[in-house]
Amino acid sequence: MAPLRAKSLADLPPAMIVTADFDPLRDEGKAYADALAAAGVPVRYLQAHGHIHTSVTAVDMMPSGAPVRAEMADALRGFFAKVPA
């Protein structure tokens, strides 16, 4: 899948994009976050410094991923927060 090749990114739901310093998909992830923002989509981008692809989710093996996971959880809570009436 190549979401950057979509005709339009407008009207997509909010997104949290996380890349790692040593991730072969890092540049594409950043470009996707930039493209979403340019299309007016609420996006939070975070680069996990010192990590490799998927290391952030290695909970018992990579304690340094805890702040990244916390920020991801915070973003999801924000995306699903109820809008005041």
PDB file of N, CA and C in Angstrom:
ATOM      1  N   MET A   1       0.844  -1.160   0.000  1.00  0.00           N
ATOM      2  CA  MET A   1       0.000   0.000   0.000  1.00  0.00           C
ATOM      3  C   MET A   1       0.898   1.235   0.000  1.00  0.00           C
ATOM      4  N   ALA A   2       0.510   2.215  -0.759  1.00  0.00           N
ATOM      5  CA  ALA A   2       1.273   3.458  -0.843  1.00  0.00           C
ATOM      6  C   ALA A   2       0.319   4.636  -0.641  1.00  0.00           C
ATOM      7  N   PRO A   3       0.007   4.964   0.604  1.00  0.00           N
ATOM      8  CA  PRO A   3      -0.969   6.036   0.850  1.00  0.00           C
ATOM      9  C   PRO A   3      -0.562   7.387   0.281  1.00  0.00           C
ATOM     10  N   LEU A   4       0.732   7.616   0.110  1.00  0.00           N
ATOM     11  CA  LEU A   4       1.169   8.887  -0.469  1.00  0.00           C
ATOM     12  C   LEU A   4       0.737   9.046  -1.923  1.00  0.00           C
ATOM     13  N   ARG A   5       0.368   7.945  -2.572  1.00  0.00           N
ATOM     14  CA  ARG A   5      -0.066   8.007  -3.970  1.00  0.00           C
ATOM     15  C   ARG A   5      -1.563   8.221  -4.113  1.00  0.00           C
ATOM     16  N   ALA A   6      -2.256   8.365  -3.003  1.00  0.00           N
ATOM     17  CA  ALA A   6      -3.706   8.575  -3.061  1.00  0.00           C
ATOM     18  C   ALA A   6      -4.015   9.878  -3.789  1.00  0.00           C
ATOM     19  N   LYS A   7      -5.163   9.908  -4.472  1.00  0.00           N
ATOM     20  CA  LYS A   7      -5.572  11.125  -5.177  1.00  0.00           C
ATOM     21  C   LYS A   7      -5.812  12.252  -4.194  1.00  0.00           C
ATOM     22  N   SER A   8      -6.380  11.914  -3.041  1.00  0.00           N
ATOM     23  CA  SER A   8      -6.662  12.933  -2.032  1.00  0.00           C
ATOM     24  C   SER A   8      -6.525  12.325  -0.648  1.00  0.00           C
ATOM     25  N   LEU A   9      -5.926  13.065   0.256  1.00  0.00           N
ATOM     26  CA  LEU A   9      -5.807  12.644   1.647  1.00  0.00           C
ATOM     27  C   LEU A   9      -6.781  13.407   2.535  1.00  0.00           C
ATOM     28  N   ALA A  10      -7.502  14.354   1.931  1.00  0.00           N
ATOM     29  CA  ALA A  10      -8.460  15.159   2.692  1.00  0.00           C
ATOM     30  C   ALA A  10      -9.549  14.256   3.258  1.00  0.00           C
ATOM     31  N   ASP A  11     -10.129  14.667   4.330  1.00  0.00           N
ATOM     32  CA  ASP A  11     -11.244  13.981   4.984  1.00  0.00           C
ATOM     33  C   ASP A  11     -10.869  12.651   5.611  1.00  0.00           C
ATOM     34  N   LEU A  12      -9.581  12.378   5.781  1.00  0.00           N
ATOM     35  CA  LEU A  12      -9.179  11.185   6.513  1.00  0.00           C
ATOM     36  C   LEU A  12      -9.281  11.458   8.008  1.00  0.00           C
ATOM     37  N   PRO A  13      -9.396  10.429   8.811  1.00  0.00           N
ATOM     38  CA  PRO A  13      -9.457  10.641  10.265  1.00  0.00           C
ATOM     39  C   PRO A  13      -8.099  11.088  10.795  1.00  0.00           C
ATOM     40  N   PRO A  14      -8.075  11.597  12.015  1.00  0.00           N
ATOM     41  CA  PRO A  14      -6.797  11.998  12.617  1.00  0.00           C
ATOM     42  C   PRO A  14      -5.823  10.822  12.623  1.00  0.00           C
ATOM     43  N   ALA A  15      -4.533  11.144  12.597  1.00  0.00           N
ATOM     44  CA  ALA A  15      -3.515  10.095  12.539  1.00  0.00           C
ATOM     45  C   ALA A  15      -2.371  10.394  13.487  1.00  0.00           C
ATOM     46  N   MET A  16      -1.791   9.333  13.993  1.00  0.00           N
ATOM     47  CA  MET A  16      -0.556   9.391  14.767  1.00  0.00           C
ATOM     48  C   MET A  16       0.470   8.615  13.967  1.00  0.00           C
ATOM     49  N   ILE A  17       1.512   9.276  13.516  1.00  0.00           N
ATOM     50  CA  ILE A  17       2.555   8.646  12.724  1.00  0.00           C
ATOM     51  C   ILE A  17       3.817   8.581  13.585  1.00  0.00           C
ATOM     52  N   VAL A  18       4.339   7.382  13.780  1.00  0.00           N
ATOM     53  CA  VAL A  18       5.555   7.183  14.563  1.00  0.00           C
ATOM     54  C   VAL A  18       6.599   6.530  13.662  1.00  0.00           C
ATOM     55  N   THR A  19       7.763   7.122  13.605  1.00  0.00           N
ATOM     56  CA  THR A  19       8.873   6.517  12.884  1.00  0.00           C
ATOM     57  C   THR A  19      10.031   6.348  13.861  1.00  0.00           C
ATOM     58  N   ALA A  20      11.028   5.600  13.457  1.00  0.00           N
ATOM     59  CA  ALA A  20      12.206   5.383  14.287  1.00  0.00           C
ATOM     60  C   ALA A  20      13.439   5.897  13.550  1.00  0.00           C
ATOM     61  N   ASP A  21      14.452   6.257  14.320  1.00  0.00           N
ATOM     62  CA  ASP A  21      15.691   6.751  13.707  1.00  0.00           C
ATOM     63  C   ASP A  21      16.257   5.770  12.688  1.00  0.00           C
ATOM     64  N   PHE A  22      16.232   4.495  13.040  1.00  0.00           N
ATOM     65  CA  PHE A  22      16.847   3.471  12.195  1.00  0.00           C
ATOM     66  C   PHE A  22      15.769   2.594  11.572  1.00  0.00           C
ATOM     67  N   ASP A  23      14.874   3.232  10.854  1.00  0.00           N
ATOM     68  CA  ASP A  23      13.730   2.574  10.243  1.00  0.00           C
ATOM     69  C   ASP A  23      13.802   2.815   8.741  1.00  0.00           C
ATOM     70  N   PRO A  24      13.783   1.758   7.936  1.00  0.00           N
ATOM     71  CA  PRO A  24      13.840   1.978   6.491  1.00  0.00           C
ATOM     72  C   PRO A  24      12.636   2.742   5.951  1.00  0.00           C
ATOM     73  N   LEU A  25      11.574   2.830   6.738  1.00  0.00           N
ATOM     74  CA  LEU A  25      10.375   3.553   6.312  1.00  0.00           C
ATOM     75  C   LEU A  25      10.279   4.951   6.931  1.00  0.00           C
ATOM     76  N   ARG A  26      11.329   5.386   7.619  1.00  0.00           N
ATOM     77  CA  ARG A  26      11.305   6.675   8.322  1.00  0.00           C
ATOM     78  C   ARG A  26      10.956   7.842   7.410  1.00  0.00           C
ATOM     79  N   ASP A  27      11.638   7.963   6.295  1.00  0.00           N
ATOM     80  CA  ASP A  27      11.415   9.114   5.416  1.00  0.00           C
ATOM     81  C   ASP A  27      10.006   9.108   4.825  1.00  0.00           C
ATOM     82  N   GLU A  28       9.520   7.926   4.458  1.00  0.00           N
ATOM     83  CA  GLU A  28       8.161   7.823   3.916  1.00  0.00           C
ATOM     84  C   GLU A  28       7.119   8.155   4.985  1.00  0.00           C
ATOM     85  N   GLY A  29       7.375   7.731   6.222  1.00  0.00           N
ATOM     86  CA  GLY A  29       6.458   8.053   7.316  1.00  0.00           C
ATOM     87  C   GLY A  29       6.368   9.543   7.557  1.00  0.00           C
ATOM     88  N   LYS A  30       7.515  10.206   7.536  1.00  0.00           N
ATOM     89  CA  LYS A  30       7.540  11.665   7.725  1.00  0.00           C
ATOM     90  C   LYS A  30       6.845  12.362   6.561  1.00  0.00           C
ATOM     91  N   ALA A  31       7.094  11.895   5.348  1.00  0.00           N
ATOM     92  CA  ALA A  31       6.444  12.490   4.173  1.00  0.00           C
ATOM     93  C   ALA A  31       4.930  12.312   4.251  1.00  0.00           C
ATOM     94  N   TYR A  32       4.477  11.148   4.728  1.00  0.00           N
ATOM     95  CA  TYR A  32       3.040  10.914   4.864  1.00  0.00           C
ATOM     96  C   TYR A  32       2.442  11.851   5.911  1.00  0.00           C
ATOM     97  N   ALA A  33       3.123  12.011   7.027  1.00  0.00           N
ATOM     98  CA  ALA A  33       2.637  12.940   8.057  1.00  0.00           C
ATOM     99  C   ALA A  33       2.549  14.355   7.499  1.00  0.00           C
ATOM    100  N   ASP A  34       3.559  14.774   6.758  1.00  0.00           N
ATOM    101  CA  ASP A  34       3.543  16.112   6.152  1.00  0.00           C
ATOM    102  C   ASP A  34       2.403  16.258   5.150  1.00  0.00           C
ATOM    103  N   ALA A  35       2.176  15.209   4.346  1.00  0.00           N
ATOM    104  CA  ALA A  35       1.103  15.257   3.342  1.00  0.00           C
ATOM    105  C   ALA A  35      -0.268  15.305   4.012  1.00  0.00           C
ATOM    106  N   LEU A  36      -0.444  14.552   5.083  1.00  0.00           N
ATOM    107  CA  LEU A  36      -1.711  14.600   5.814  1.00  0.00           C
ATOM    108  C   LEU A  36      -1.952  16.001   6.367  1.00  0.00           C
ATOM    109  N   ALA A  37      -0.929  16.564   6.981  1.00  0.00           N
ATOM    110  CA  ALA A  37      -1.064  17.917   7.537  1.00  0.00           C
ATOM    111  C   ALA A  37      -1.388  18.924   6.442  1.00  0.00           C
ATOM    112  N   ALA A  38      -0.747  18.806   5.298  1.00  0.00           N
ATOM    113  CA  ALA A  38      -1.012  19.715   4.182  1.00  0.00           C
ATOM    114  C   ALA A  38      -2.433  19.570   3.660  1.00  0.00           C
ATOM    115  N   ALA A  39      -3.008  18.373   3.822  1.00  0.00           N
ATOM    116  CA  ALA A  39      -4.391  18.135   3.382  1.00  0.00           C
ATOM    117  C   ALA A  39      -5.404  18.542   4.442  1.00  0.00           C
ATOM    118  N   GLY A  40      -4.916  19.061   5.574  1.00  0.00           N
ATOM    119  CA  GLY A  40      -5.816  19.512   6.627  1.00  0.00           C
ATOM    120  C   GLY A  40      -6.231  18.432   7.601  1.00  0.00           C
ATOM    121  N   VAL A  41      -5.568  17.301   7.559  1.00  0.00           N
ATOM    122  CA  VAL A  41      -5.887  16.203   8.478  1.00  0.00           C
ATOM    123  C   VAL A  41      -5.123  16.413   9.782  1.00  0.00           C
ATOM    124  N   PRO A  42      -5.800  16.317  10.921  1.00  0.00           N
ATOM    125  CA  PRO A  42      -5.074  16.417  12.191  1.00  0.00           C
ATOM    126  C   PRO A  42      -4.083  15.251  12.304  1.00  0.00           C
ATOM    127  N   VAL A  43      -2.824  15.576  12.515  1.00  0.00           N
ATOM    128  CA  VAL A  43      -1.795  14.530  12.572  1.00  0.00           C
ATOM    129  C   VAL A  43      -0.788  14.867  13.654  1.00  0.00           C
ATOM    130  N   ARG A  44      -0.378  13.851  14.362  1.00  0.00           N
ATOM    131  CA  ARG A  44       0.728  13.984  15.314  1.00  0.00           C
ATOM    132  C   ARG A  44       1.849  13.102  14.804  1.00  0.00           C
ATOM    133  N   TYR A  45       3.028  13.682  14.687  1.00  0.00           N
ATOM    134  CA  TYR A  45       4.194  12.951  14.200  1.00  0.00           C
ATOM    135  C   TYR A  45       5.218  12.865  15.314  1.00  0.00           C
ATOM    136  N   LEU A  46       5.791  11.693  15.467  1.00  0.00           N
ATOM    137  CA  LEU A  46       6.815  11.487  16.483  1.00  0.00           C
ATOM    138  C   LEU A  46       7.904  10.596  15.908  1.00  0.00           C
ATOM    139  N   GLN A  47       9.145  11.016  16.072  1.00  0.00           N
ATOM    140  CA  GLN A  47      10.267  10.176  15.680  1.00  0.00           C
ATOM    141  C   GLN A  47      10.870   9.599  16.947  1.00  0.00           C
ATOM    142  N   ALA A  48      10.914   8.274  17.035  1.00  0.00           N
ATOM    143  CA  ALA A  48      11.457   7.577  18.196  1.00  0.00           C
ATOM    144  C   ALA A  48      12.977   7.523  18.057  1.00  0.00           C
ATOM    145  N   HIS A  49      13.644   8.389  18.770  1.00  0.00           N
ATOM    146  CA  HIS A  49      15.102   8.510  18.662  1.00  0.00           C
ATOM    147  C   HIS A  49      15.799   7.267  19.228  1.00  0.00           C
ATOM    148  N   GLY A  50      16.757   6.763  18.452  1.00  0.00           N
ATOM    149  CA  GLY A  50      17.541   5.619  18.873  1.00  0.00           C
ATOM    150  C   GLY A  50      16.873   4.273  18.676  1.00  0.00           C
ATOM    151  N   HIS A  51      15.723   4.260  18.037  1.00  0.00           N
ATOM    152  CA  HIS A  51      14.982   3.012  17.859  1.00  0.00           C
ATOM    153  C   HIS A  51      15.096   2.487  16.433  1.00  0.00           C
ATOM    154  N   ILE A  52      14.756   1.191  16.303  1.00  0.00           N
ATOM    155  CA  ILE A  52      14.650   0.554  15.003  1.00  0.00           C
ATOM    156  C   ILE A  52      13.174   0.253  14.754  1.00  0.00           C
ATOM    157  N   HIS A  53      12.853  -0.121  13.544  1.00  0.00           N
ATOM    158  CA  HIS A  53      11.467  -0.443  13.180  1.00  0.00           C
ATOM    159  C   HIS A  53      10.932  -1.517  14.123  1.00  0.00           C
ATOM    160  N   THR A  54       9.805  -1.290  14.703  1.00  0.00           N
ATOM    161  CA  THR A  54       9.055  -2.150  15.645  1.00  0.00           C
ATOM    162  C   THR A  54       9.637  -2.219  17.050  1.00  0.00           C
ATOM    163  N   SER A  55      10.760  -1.577  17.343  1.00  0.00           N
ATOM    164  CA  SER A  55      11.316  -1.691  18.690  1.00  0.00           C
ATOM    165  C   SER A  55      10.456  -0.999  19.739  1.00  0.00           C
ATOM    166  N   VAL A  56       9.704  -0.002  19.352  1.00  0.00           N
ATOM    167  CA  VAL A  56       8.859   0.724  20.303  1.00  0.00           C
ATOM    168  C   VAL A  56       7.819  -0.206  20.930  1.00  0.00           C
ATOM    169  N   THR A  57       7.384  -1.193  20.185  1.00  0.00           N
ATOM    170  CA  THR A  57       6.361  -2.107  20.703  1.00  0.00           C
ATOM    171  C   THR A  57       6.951  -3.297  21.450  1.00  0.00           C
ATOM    172  N   ALA A  58       8.258  -3.394  21.564  1.00  0.00           N
ATOM    173  CA  ALA A  58       8.901  -4.469  22.320  1.00  0.00           C
ATOM    174  C   ALA A  58       8.904  -4.072  23.798  1.00  0.00           C
ATOM    175  N   VAL A  59       7.741  -4.163  24.421  1.00  0.00           N
ATOM    176  CA  VAL A  59       7.514  -3.594  25.754  1.00  0.00           C
ATOM    177  C   VAL A  59       8.514  -4.090  26.789  1.00  0.00           C
ATOM    178  N   ASP A  60       8.715  -5.385  26.901  1.00  0.00           N
ATOM    179  CA  ASP A  60       9.602  -5.916  27.936  1.00  0.00           C
ATOM    180  C   ASP A  60      11.081  -5.791  27.592  1.00  0.00           C
ATOM    181  N   MET A  61      11.389  -5.517  26.354  1.00  0.00           N
ATOM    182  CA  MET A  61      12.782  -5.492  25.928  1.00  0.00           C
ATOM    183  C   MET A  61      13.329  -4.082  25.718  1.00  0.00           C
ATOM    184  N   MET A  62      12.472  -3.099  25.489  1.00  0.00           N
ATOM    185  CA  MET A  62      12.915  -1.733  25.175  1.00  0.00           C
ATOM    186  C   MET A  62      12.230  -0.729  26.098  1.00  0.00           C
ATOM    187  N   PRO A  63      12.724  -0.591  27.324  1.00  0.00           N
ATOM    188  CA  PRO A  63      12.103   0.380  28.234  1.00  0.00           C
ATOM    189  C   PRO A  63      12.121   1.798  27.694  1.00  0.00           C
ATOM    190  N   SER A  64      13.077   2.112  26.814  1.00  0.00           N
ATOM    191  CA  SER A  64      13.154   3.469  26.260  1.00  0.00           C
ATOM    192  C   SER A  64      11.972   3.781  25.354  1.00  0.00           C
ATOM    193  N   GLY A  65      11.180   2.773  25.008  1.00  0.00           N
ATOM    194  CA  GLY A  65       9.989   2.998  24.196  1.00  0.00           C
ATOM    195  C   GLY A  65       8.790   3.446  25.011  1.00  0.00           C
ATOM    196  N   ALA A  66       8.880   3.398  26.333  1.00  0.00           N
ATOM    197  CA  ALA A  66       7.736   3.756  27.180  1.00  0.00           C
ATOM    198  C   ALA A  66       7.219   5.170  26.920  1.00  0.00           C
ATOM    199  N   PRO A  67       8.082   6.188  26.830  1.00  0.00           N
ATOM    200  CA  PRO A  67       7.548   7.533  26.550  1.00  0.00           C
ATOM    201  C   PRO A  67       6.871   7.624  25.176  1.00  0.00           C
ATOM    202  N   VAL A  68       7.385   6.889  24.218  1.00  0.00           N
ATOM    203  CA  VAL A  68       6.778   6.891  22.885  1.00  0.00           C
ATOM    204  C   VAL A  68       5.399   6.246  22.952  1.00  0.00           C
ATOM    205  N   ARG A  69       5.315   5.102  23.625  1.00  0.00           N
ATOM    206  CA  ARG A  69       4.012   4.434  23.776  1.00  0.00           C
ATOM    207  C   ARG A  69       3.030   5.322  24.532  1.00  0.00           C
ATOM    208  N   ALA A  70       3.511   6.051  25.533  1.00  0.00           N
ATOM    209  CA  ALA A  70       2.641   6.958  26.286  1.00  0.00           C
ATOM    210  C   ALA A  70       2.102   8.074  25.392  1.00  0.00           C
ATOM    211  N   GLU A  71       2.952   8.610  24.525  1.00  0.00           N
ATOM    212  CA  GLU A  71       2.491   9.658  23.613  1.00  0.00           C
ATOM    213  C   GLU A  71       1.503   9.110  22.586  1.00  0.00           C
ATOM    214  N   MET A  72       1.741   7.875  22.145  1.00  0.00           N
ATOM    215  CA  MET A  72       0.792   7.241  21.221  1.00  0.00           C
ATOM    216  C   MET A  72      -0.572   7.076  21.899  1.00  0.00           C
ATOM    217  N   ALA A  73      -0.563   6.630  23.142  1.00  0.00           N
ATOM    218  CA  ALA A  73      -1.815   6.455  23.883  1.00  0.00           C
ATOM    219  C   ALA A  73      -2.515   7.792  24.084  1.00  0.00           C
ATOM    220  N   ASP A  74      -1.746   8.828  24.390  1.00  0.00           N
ATOM    221  CA  ASP A  74      -2.317  10.162  24.561  1.00  0.00           C
ATOM    222  C   ASP A  74      -2.980  10.644  23.273  1.00  0.00           C
ATOM    223  N   ALA A  75      -2.329  10.396  22.147  1.00  0.00           N
ATOM    224  CA  ALA A  75      -2.904  10.799  20.855  1.00  0.00           C
ATOM    225  C   ALA A  75      -4.213  10.058  20.611  1.00  0.00           C
ATOM    226  N   LEU A  76      -4.238   8.771  20.869  1.00  0.00           N
ATOM    227  CA  LEU A  76      -5.478   8.000  20.652  1.00  0.00           C
ATOM    228  C   LEU A  76      -6.596   8.491  21.572  1.00  0.00           C
ATOM    229  N   ARG A  77      -6.260   8.767  22.820  1.00  0.00           N
ATOM    230  CA  ARG A  77      -7.291   9.304  23.722  1.00  0.00           C
ATOM    231  C   ARG A  77      -7.848  10.618  23.166  1.00  0.00           C
ATOM    232  N   GLY A  78      -6.966  11.454  22.658  1.00  0.00           N
ATOM    233  CA  GLY A  78      -7.408  12.724  22.082  1.00  0.00           C
ATOM    234  C   GLY A  78      -8.269  12.545  20.846  1.00  0.00           C
ATOM    235  N   PHE A  79      -7.920  11.570  20.014  1.00  0.00           N
ATOM    236  CA  PHE A  79      -8.692  11.327  18.803  1.00  0.00           C
ATOM    237  C   PHE A  79     -10.103  10.873  19.118  1.00  0.00           C
ATOM    238  N   PHE A  80     -10.257  10.138  20.215  1.00  0.00           N
ATOM    239  CA  PHE A  80     -11.568   9.568  20.537  1.00  0.00           C
ATOM    240  C   PHE A  80     -12.297  10.329  21.636  1.00  0.00           C
ATOM    241  N   ALA A  81     -11.753  11.449  22.061  1.00  0.00           N
ATOM    242  CA  ALA A  81     -12.403  12.263  23.097  1.00  0.00           C
ATOM    243  C   ALA A  81     -13.728  12.792  22.557  1.00  0.00           C
ATOM    244  N   LYS A  82     -14.698  12.843  23.421  1.00  0.00           N
ATOM    245  CA  LYS A  82     -15.996  13.379  23.015  1.00  0.00           C
ATOM    246  C   LYS A  82     -15.910  14.896  22.865  1.00  0.00           C
ATOM    247  N   VAL A  83     -16.510  15.380  21.840  1.00  0.00           N
ATOM    248  CA  VAL A  83     -16.563  16.817  21.595  1.00  0.00           C
ATOM    249  C   VAL A  83     -17.684  17.388  22.442  1.00  0.00           C
ATOM    250  N   PRO A  84     -17.418  18.466  23.213  1.00  0.00           N
ATOM    251  CA  PRO A  84     -18.492  19.054  24.044  1.00  0.00           C
ATOM    252  C   PRO A  84     -19.656  19.508  23.180  1.00  0.00           C
ATOM    253  N   ALA A  85     -20.855  19.307  23.698  1.00  0.00           N
ATOM    254  CA  ALA A  85     -22.079  19.692  22.958  1.00  0.00           C
ATOM    255  C   ALA A  85     -22.318  21.171  23.020  1.00  0.00           C
TER     256      ALA A  85
END
